[in-house]
Amino acid sequence: MNKYELAVVVSAKIEDDERAATIDKVKAYIERFGGTITNVDEWGKKRLAYEVQKMKEAFYYFIQFDAESTTPAEVESHVRIMENVIRYLCVKQDEA
């Protein structure tokens, strides 16, 4: 099992319950493809470095999980097409 971190930037234009549902859906994808979520870090609403889809702010989430090497590609393929997700990035964490 490898350790991964998925950064998800969610639109600030949606309601709180819809945003929570979006993150729950991302977590469900991780678990469906064999991952085990170890931590979810919500940073809240932050200013974007540059304007994306005419938005200057968005909500940041960092999800740490343990999974096999094929899981991140599967999760990314589903997160990519989610309407409320502006940006995402999945990285493998060092074992150090």
C-alpha atoms as a PDB file:
ATOM      1  CA  MET A   1       0.000   0.000   0.000  1.00  0.00           C
ATOM      2  CA  ASN A   2       1.191   3.487  -0.889  1.00  0.00           C
ATOM      3  CA  LYS A   3       0.276   6.750   0.813  1.00  0.00           C
ATOM      4  CA  TYR A   4      -1.392   9.418  -1.334  1.00  0.00           C
ATOM      5  CA  GLU A   5      -2.800  12.889  -0.887  1.00  0.00           C
ATOM      6  CA  LEU A   6      -5.599  14.223  -3.060  1.00  0.00           C
ATOM      7  CA  ALA A   7      -6.053  17.995  -3.154  1.00  0.00           C
ATOM      8  CA  VAL A   8      -9.524  19.033  -4.291  1.00  0.00           C
ATOM      9  CA  VAL A   9     -10.570  22.623  -5.028  1.00  0.00           C
ATOM     10  CA  VAL A  10     -14.364  22.963  -4.918  1.00  0.00           C
ATOM     11  CA  SER A  11     -16.439  25.835  -6.302  1.00  0.00           C
ATOM     12  CA  ALA A  12     -17.449  28.538  -3.820  1.00  0.00           C
ATOM     13  CA  LYS A  13     -20.668  29.208  -5.750  1.00  0.00           C
ATOM     14  CA  ILE A  14     -22.462  26.126  -4.403  1.00  0.00           C
ATOM     15  CA  GLU A  15     -24.300  25.627  -1.097  1.00  0.00           C
ATOM     16  CA  ASP A  16     -22.699  23.995   1.963  1.00  0.00           C
ATOM     17  CA  ASP A  17     -24.694  20.762   1.683  1.00  0.00           C
ATOM     18  CA  GLU A  18     -23.886  20.417  -2.019  1.00  0.00           C
ATOM     19  CA  ARG A  19     -20.181  20.979  -1.278  1.00  0.00           C
ATOM     20  CA  ALA A  20     -20.291  18.316   1.457  1.00  0.00           C
ATOM     21  CA  ALA A  21     -21.974  15.925  -0.979  1.00  0.00           C
ATOM     22  CA  THR A  22     -19.215  16.569  -3.531  1.00  0.00           C
ATOM     23  CA  ILE A  23     -16.489  15.686  -0.997  1.00  0.00           C
ATOM     24  CA  ASP A  24     -18.459  12.618   0.149  1.00  0.00           C
ATOM     25  CA  LYS A  25     -18.623  11.497  -3.478  1.00  0.00           C
ATOM     26  CA  VAL A  26     -14.844  11.904  -3.846  1.00  0.00           C
ATOM     27  CA  LYS A  27     -14.318   9.862  -0.653  1.00  0.00           C
ATOM     28  CA  ALA A  28     -16.697   7.188  -1.969  1.00  0.00           C
ATOM     29  CA  TYR A  29     -14.639   6.938  -5.187  1.00  0.00           C
ATOM     30  CA  ILE A  30     -11.461   6.433  -3.143  1.00  0.00           C
ATOM     31  CA  GLU A  31     -13.078   3.664  -1.096  1.00  0.00           C
ATOM     32  CA  ARG A  32     -14.732   2.050  -4.140  1.00  0.00           C
ATOM     33  CA  PHE A  33     -11.352   1.618  -5.847  1.00  0.00           C
ATOM     34  CA  GLY A  34      -9.707   0.033  -2.807  1.00  0.00           C
ATOM     35  CA  GLY A  35      -8.377   3.042  -0.909  1.00  0.00           C
ATOM     36  CA  THR A  36      -8.534   3.610   2.840  1.00  0.00           C
ATOM     37  CA  ILE A  37      -9.003   7.238   3.887  1.00  0.00           C
ATOM     38  CA  THR A  38      -6.718   8.206   6.770  1.00  0.00           C
ATOM     39  CA  ASN A  39      -7.384  11.951   7.069  1.00  0.00           C
ATOM     40  CA  VAL A  40      -9.518  14.714   5.555  1.00  0.00           C
ATOM     41  CA  ASP A  41      -8.204  18.240   6.036  1.00  0.00           C
ATOM     42  CA  GLU A  42     -10.616  21.077   5.215  1.00  0.00           C
ATOM     43  CA  TRP A  43      -8.842  24.398   4.722  1.00  0.00           C
ATOM     44  CA  GLY A  44     -12.011  26.330   4.029  1.00  0.00           C
ATOM     45  CA  LYS A  45     -12.524  29.196   1.614  1.00  0.00           C
ATOM     46  CA  LYS A  46      -9.285  30.605   0.204  1.00  0.00           C
ATOM     47  CA  ARG A  47      -8.400  33.076  -2.507  1.00  0.00           C
ATOM     48  CA  LEU A  48      -7.251  31.448  -5.741  1.00  0.00           C
ATOM     49  CA  ALA A  49      -3.840  32.353  -7.165  1.00  0.00           C
ATOM     50  CA  TYR A  50      -5.551  33.272 -10.439  1.00  0.00           C
ATOM     51  CA  GLU A  51      -9.123  33.480 -11.633  1.00  0.00           C
ATOM     52  CA  VAL A  52     -10.616  30.131 -12.667  1.00  0.00           C
ATOM     53  CA  GLN A  53     -14.006  29.964 -14.399  1.00  0.00           C
ATOM     54  CA  LYS A  54     -14.622  33.597 -13.321  1.00  0.00           C
ATOM     55  CA  MET A  55     -14.122  32.668  -9.640  1.00  0.00           C
ATOM     56  CA  LYS A  56     -11.627  34.327  -7.330  1.00  0.00           C
ATOM     57  CA  GLU A  57     -12.238  32.065  -4.283  1.00  0.00           C
ATOM     58  CA  ALA A  58     -12.820  28.353  -3.702  1.00  0.00           C
ATOM     59  CA  PHE A  59     -12.886  25.742  -0.944  1.00  0.00           C
ATOM     60  CA  TYR A  60      -9.791  23.587  -0.432  1.00  0.00           C
ATOM     61  CA  TYR A  61      -9.804  19.967   0.786  1.00  0.00           C
ATOM     62  CA  PHE A  62      -6.865  17.615   1.285  1.00  0.00           C
ATOM     63  CA  ILE A  63      -7.668  13.903   1.544  1.00  0.00           C
ATOM     64  CA  GLN A  64      -4.934  11.501   2.638  1.00  0.00           C
ATOM     65  CA  PHE A  65      -5.440   7.831   1.829  1.00  0.00           C
ATOM     66  CA  ASP A  66      -3.644   4.498   1.539  1.00  0.00           C
ATOM     67  CA  ALA A  67      -4.147   2.570  -1.698  1.00  0.00           C
ATOM     68  CA  GLU A  68      -2.624   0.413  -4.392  1.00  0.00           C
ATOM     69  CA  SER A  69      -0.794   2.120  -7.257  1.00  0.00           C
ATOM     70  CA  THR A  70      -3.770   1.844  -9.661  1.00  0.00           C
ATOM     71  CA  THR A  71      -6.259   3.649  -7.390  1.00  0.00           C
ATOM     72  CA  PRO A  72      -5.204   7.288  -8.017  1.00  0.00           C
ATOM     73  CA  ALA A  73      -5.706   6.989 -11.779  1.00  0.00           C
ATOM     74  CA  GLU A  74      -9.185   5.509 -11.259  1.00  0.00           C
ATOM     75  CA  VAL A  75     -10.154   8.225  -8.762  1.00  0.00           C
ATOM     76  CA  GLU A  76      -8.787  11.021 -10.980  1.00  0.00           C
ATOM     77  CA  SER A  77     -10.751   9.775 -13.982  1.00  0.00           C
ATOM     78  CA  HIS A  78     -13.979  10.244 -11.984  1.00  0.00           C
ATOM     79  CA  VAL A  79     -13.027  13.477 -10.181  1.00  0.00           C
ATOM     80  CA  ARG A  80     -12.021  15.032 -13.519  1.00  0.00           C
ATOM     81  CA  ILE A  81     -15.635  15.073 -14.742  1.00  0.00           C
ATOM     82  CA  MET A  82     -17.246  16.271 -11.498  1.00  0.00           C
ATOM     83  CA  GLU A  83     -19.026  19.545 -12.114  1.00  0.00           C
ATOM     84  CA  ASN A  84     -18.242  21.304  -8.809  1.00  0.00           C
ATOM     85  CA  VAL A  85     -14.537  20.395  -8.727  1.00  0.00           C
ATOM     86  CA  ILE A  86     -12.468  23.226 -10.195  1.00  0.00           C
ATOM     87  CA  ARG A  87      -9.016  21.664  -9.765  1.00  0.00           C
ATOM     88  CA  TYR A  88      -7.551  18.483  -8.279  1.00  0.00           C
ATOM     89  CA  LEU A  89      -4.131  16.950  -7.785  1.00  0.00           C
ATOM     90  CA  CYS A  90      -3.180  13.544  -6.447  1.00  0.00           C
ATOM     91  CA  VAL A  91       0.403  13.013  -5.260  1.00  0.00           C
ATOM     92  CA  LYS A  92       2.215  10.086  -3.716  1.00  0.00           C
ATOM     93  CA  GLN A  93       3.600  10.900  -0.286  1.00  0.00           C
ATOM     94  CA  ASP A  94       7.144   9.956   0.688  1.00  0.00           C
ATOM     95  CA  GLU A  95       7.607   7.148   3.165  1.00  0.00           C
ATOM     96  CA  ALA A  96      10.064   9.261   5.195  1.00  0.00           C
END
